[in-house]
Amino acid sequence: MPKKIPMRQCTGCREMKPKRELIRVVKSPENEISLDFKGKAQGRGAYVCPNLECLKKARKSRALERSLDISIPEEIYGQLEEQMEAGHE
Protein backbone atom coordinates (compact mmCIF):
# COMPACT_ATOMS: atom_id res chain seq x y z
CA MET A 1 0.00 0.00 0.00
CA PRO A 2 1.53 3.37 -1.01
CA LYS A 3 2.38 5.79 1.77
CA LYS A 4 -0.02 8.73 2.14
CA ILE A 5 1.60 12.09 1.30
CA PRO A 6 0.64 14.84 3.77
CA MET A 7 -0.83 17.84 1.95
CA ARG A 8 -0.89 21.46 3.15
CA GLN A 9 -2.38 24.66 1.73
CA CYS A 10 -0.14 27.52 0.66
CA THR A 11 -1.24 30.78 2.29
CA GLY A 12 -0.34 32.69 -0.90
CA CYS A 13 -1.87 30.79 -3.83
CA ARG A 14 -4.29 28.72 -1.67
CA GLU A 15 -3.31 25.51 -3.52
CA MET A 16 -2.93 22.17 -1.77
CA LYS A 17 0.62 20.84 -2.19
CA PRO A 18 2.78 18.14 -0.59
CA LYS A 19 4.03 19.36 2.79
CA ARG A 20 7.69 18.78 1.83
CA GLU A 21 7.47 21.26 -1.08
CA LEU A 22 6.38 24.14 1.16
CA ILE A 23 8.19 26.38 3.66
CA ARG A 24 6.70 26.33 7.15
CA VAL A 25 6.43 29.49 9.23
CA VAL A 26 5.86 28.50 12.85
CA LYS A 27 4.61 30.33 15.93
CA SER A 28 6.10 28.72 19.03
CA PRO A 29 4.18 28.36 22.30
CA GLU A 30 6.22 31.41 23.47
CA ASN A 31 4.77 33.45 20.53
CA GLU A 32 8.08 33.56 18.65
CA ILE A 33 7.98 33.40 14.85
CA SER A 34 10.57 31.36 12.97
CA LEU A 35 11.09 29.36 9.77
CA ASP A 36 10.95 25.59 10.07
CA PHE A 37 12.51 23.63 7.21
CA LYS A 38 12.31 20.21 8.88
CA GLY A 39 8.59 20.49 9.67
CA LYS A 40 9.19 19.30 13.23
CA ALA A 41 9.26 22.51 15.30
CA GLN A 42 6.67 22.76 18.02
CA GLY A 43 3.85 25.25 17.57
CA ARG A 44 1.27 26.47 15.08
CA GLY A 45 2.42 26.35 11.47
CA ALA A 46 1.43 28.10 8.26
CA TYR A 47 2.83 27.18 4.87
CA VAL A 48 3.94 29.11 1.81
CA CYS A 49 5.24 27.92 -1.59
CA PRO A 50 8.96 28.52 -2.19
CA ASN A 51 8.34 31.22 -4.80
CA LEU A 52 8.22 34.99 -4.46
CA GLU A 53 4.80 35.41 -6.10
CA CYS A 54 3.10 33.32 -3.41
CA LEU A 55 4.98 35.21 -0.70
CA LYS A 56 3.84 38.55 -2.17
CA LYS A 57 0.21 37.37 -2.22
CA ALA A 58 0.42 36.05 1.35
CA ARG A 59 2.03 39.28 2.51
CA LYS A 60 -0.48 41.53 0.73
CA SER A 61 -3.51 39.63 2.07
CA ARG A 62 -1.87 39.24 5.52
CA ALA A 63 -2.66 35.52 5.30
CA LEU A 64 0.28 34.44 7.49
CA GLU A 65 -0.74 36.92 10.19
CA ARG A 66 -4.32 35.65 10.13
CA SER A 67 -3.44 31.96 10.20
CA LEU A 68 -0.92 32.38 13.02
CA ASP A 69 -2.96 35.09 14.82
CA ILE A 70 0.12 37.27 15.37
CA SER A 71 1.91 40.04 13.44
CA ILE A 72 4.86 38.79 11.38
CA PRO A 73 8.11 40.80 11.81
CA GLU A 74 9.78 42.21 8.68
CA GLU A 75 12.88 40.07 9.33
CA ILE A 76 10.84 36.87 8.86
CA TYR A 77 9.65 38.09 5.46
CA GLY A 78 13.27 38.96 4.68
CA GLN A 79 14.43 35.45 5.63
CA LEU A 80 11.68 33.92 3.48
CA GLU A 81 12.73 36.03 0.49
CA GLU A 82 16.40 35.06 0.99
CA GLN A 83 15.52 31.36 1.13
CA MET A 84 13.42 31.62 -2.04
CA GLU A 85 16.13 33.51 -3.92
CA ALA A 86 18.74 30.98 -2.76
CA GLY A 87 16.52 28.20 -4.13
CA HIS A 88 15.12 26.48 -1.03
CA GLU A 89 15.76 22.72 -1.21
C-alpha atoms as a PDB file:
ATOM      1  CA  MET A   1       0.000   0.000   0.000  1.00  0.00           C
ATOM      2  CA  PRO A   2       1.528   3.368  -1.009  1.00  0.00           C
ATOM      3  CA  LYS A   3       2.383   5.787   1.769  1.00  0.00           C
ATOM      4  CA  LYS A   4      -0.018   8.729   2.145  1.00  0.00           C
ATOM      5  CA  ILE A   5       1.600  12.088   1.304  1.00  0.00           C
ATOM      6  CA  PRO A   6       0.642  14.841   3.775  1.00  0.00           C
ATOM      7  CA  MET A   7      -0.830  17.837   1.945  1.00  0.00           C
ATOM      8  CA  ARG A   8      -0.895  21.460   3.151  1.00  0.00           C
ATOM      9  CA  GLN A   9      -2.382  24.657   1.734  1.00  0.00           C
ATOM     10  CA  CYS A  10      -0.138  27.525   0.665  1.00  0.00           C
ATOM     11  CA  THR A  11      -1.244  30.783   2.290  1.00  0.00           C
ATOM     12  CA  GLY A  12      -0.343  32.688  -0.902  1.00  0.00           C
ATOM     13  CA  CYS A  13      -1.867  30.788  -3.831  1.00  0.00           C
ATOM     14  CA  ARG A  14      -4.287  28.719  -1.668  1.00  0.00           C
ATOM     15  CA  GLU A  15      -3.305  25.507  -3.521  1.00  0.00           C
ATOM     16  CA  MET A  16      -2.929  22.172  -1.773  1.00  0.00           C
ATOM     17  CA  LYS A  17       0.624  20.839  -2.193  1.00  0.00           C
ATOM     18  CA  PRO A  18       2.777  18.142  -0.595  1.00  0.00           C
ATOM     19  CA  LYS A  19       4.032  19.358   2.791  1.00  0.00           C
ATOM     20  CA  ARG A  20       7.688  18.776   1.834  1.00  0.00           C
ATOM     21  CA  GLU A  21       7.468  21.261  -1.080  1.00  0.00           C
ATOM     22  CA  LEU A  22       6.380  24.141   1.161  1.00  0.00           C
ATOM     23  CA  ILE A  23       8.188  26.382   3.655  1.00  0.00           C
ATOM     24  CA  ARG A  24       6.697  26.326   7.152  1.00  0.00           C
ATOM     25  CA  VAL A  25       6.435  29.487   9.231  1.00  0.00           C
ATOM     26  CA  VAL A  26       5.862  28.496  12.850  1.00  0.00           C
ATOM     27  CA  LYS A  27       4.606  30.334  15.932  1.00  0.00           C
ATOM     28  CA  SER A  28       6.096  28.718  19.026  1.00  0.00           C
ATOM     29  CA  PRO A  29       4.178  28.359  22.302  1.00  0.00           C
ATOM     30  CA  GLU A  30       6.220  31.410  23.474  1.00  0.00           C
ATOM     31  CA  ASN A  31       4.767  33.447  20.532  1.00  0.00           C
ATOM     32  CA  GLU A  32       8.083  33.565  18.652  1.00  0.00           C
ATOM     33  CA  ILE A  33       7.975  33.401  14.849  1.00  0.00           C
ATOM     34  CA  SER A  34      10.572  31.358  12.966  1.00  0.00           C
ATOM     35  CA  LEU A  35      11.094  29.362   9.775  1.00  0.00           C
ATOM     36  CA  ASP A  36      10.948  25.588  10.072  1.00  0.00           C
ATOM     37  CA  PHE A  37      12.512  23.628   7.213  1.00  0.00           C
ATOM     38  CA  LYS A  38      12.312  20.208   8.883  1.00  0.00           C
ATOM     39  CA  GLY A  39       8.594  20.494   9.670  1.00  0.00           C
ATOM     40  CA  LYS A  40       9.192  19.295  13.232  1.00  0.00           C
ATOM     41  CA  ALA A  41       9.257  22.509  15.300  1.00  0.00           C
ATOM     42  CA  GLN A  42       6.671  22.761  18.023  1.00  0.00           C
ATOM     43  CA  GLY A  43       3.854  25.245  17.567  1.00  0.00           C
ATOM     44  CA  ARG A  44       1.273  26.469  15.075  1.00  0.00           C
ATOM     45  CA  GLY A  45       2.422  26.347  11.472  1.00  0.00           C
ATOM     46  CA  ALA A  46       1.435  28.099   8.258  1.00  0.00           C
ATOM     47  CA  TYR A  47       2.830  27.176   4.866  1.00  0.00           C
ATOM     48  CA  VAL A  48       3.941  29.108   1.813  1.00  0.00           C
ATOM     49  CA  CYS A  49       5.238  27.924  -1.592  1.00  0.00           C
ATOM     50  CA  PRO A  50       8.955  28.522  -2.187  1.00  0.00           C
ATOM     51  CA  ASN A  51       8.340  31.220  -4.804  1.00  0.00           C
ATOM     52  CA  LEU A  52       8.218  34.993  -4.463  1.00  0.00           C
ATOM     53  CA  GLU A  53       4.804  35.412  -6.105  1.00  0.00           C
ATOM     54  CA  CYS A  54       3.098  33.323  -3.410  1.00  0.00           C
ATOM     55  CA  LEU A  55       4.979  35.206  -0.704  1.00  0.00           C
ATOM     56  CA  LYS A  56       3.844  38.547  -2.167  1.00  0.00           C
ATOM     57  CA  LYS A  57       0.215  37.371  -2.224  1.00  0.00           C
ATOM     58  CA  ALA A  58       0.418  36.051   1.346  1.00  0.00           C
ATOM     59  CA  ARG A  59       2.030  39.282   2.514  1.00  0.00           C
ATOM     60  CA  LYS A  60      -0.484  41.530   0.731  1.00  0.00           C
ATOM     61  CA  SER A  61      -3.506  39.630   2.075  1.00  0.00           C
ATOM     62  CA  ARG A  62      -1.866  39.243   5.518  1.00  0.00           C
ATOM     63  CA  ALA A  63      -2.658  35.522   5.296  1.00  0.00           C
ATOM     64  CA  LEU A  64       0.285  34.445   7.487  1.00  0.00           C
ATOM     65  CA  GLU A  65      -0.742  36.920  10.191  1.00  0.00           C
ATOM     66  CA  ARG A  66      -4.315  35.647  10.126  1.00  0.00           C
ATOM     67  CA  SER A  67      -3.442  31.957  10.195  1.00  0.00           C
ATOM     68  CA  LEU A  68      -0.921  32.382  13.022  1.00  0.00           C
ATOM     69  CA  ASP A  69      -2.958  35.088  14.816  1.00  0.00           C
ATOM     70  CA  ILE A  70       0.125  37.272  15.374  1.00  0.00           C
ATOM     71  CA  SER A  71       1.910  40.035  13.442  1.00  0.00           C
ATOM     72  CA  ILE A  72       4.865  38.794  11.384  1.00  0.00           C
ATOM     73  CA  PRO A  73       8.109  40.796  11.808  1.00  0.00           C
ATOM     74  CA  GLU A  74       9.780  42.213   8.681  1.00  0.00           C
ATOM     75  CA  GLU A  75      12.882  40.074   9.325  1.00  0.00           C
ATOM     76  CA  ILE A  76      10.844  36.868   8.859  1.00  0.00           C
ATOM     77  CA  TYR A  77       9.646  38.085   5.458  1.00  0.00           C
ATOM     78  CA  GLY A  78      13.272  38.959   4.677  1.00  0.00           C
ATOM     79  CA  GLN A  79      14.427  35.451   5.632  1.00  0.00           C
ATOM     80  CA  LEU A  80      11.681  33.923   3.484  1.00  0.00           C
ATOM     81  CA  GLU A  81      12.733  36.029   0.488  1.00  0.00           C
ATOM     82  CA  GLU A  82      16.400  35.061   0.986  1.00  0.00           C
ATOM     83  CA  GLN A  83      15.515  31.362   1.125  1.00  0.00           C
ATOM     84  CA  MET A  84      13.421  31.624  -2.044  1.00  0.00           C
ATOM     85  CA  GLU A  85      16.130  33.515  -3.918  1.00  0.00           C
ATOM     86  CA  ALA A  86      18.740  30.981  -2.760  1.00  0.00           C
ATOM     87  CA  GLY A  87      16.521  28.195  -4.126  1.00  0.00           C
ATOM     88  CA  HIS A  88      15.124  26.476  -1.029  1.00  0.00           C
ATOM     89  CA  GLU A  89      15.756  22.719  -1.207  1.00  0.00           C
END
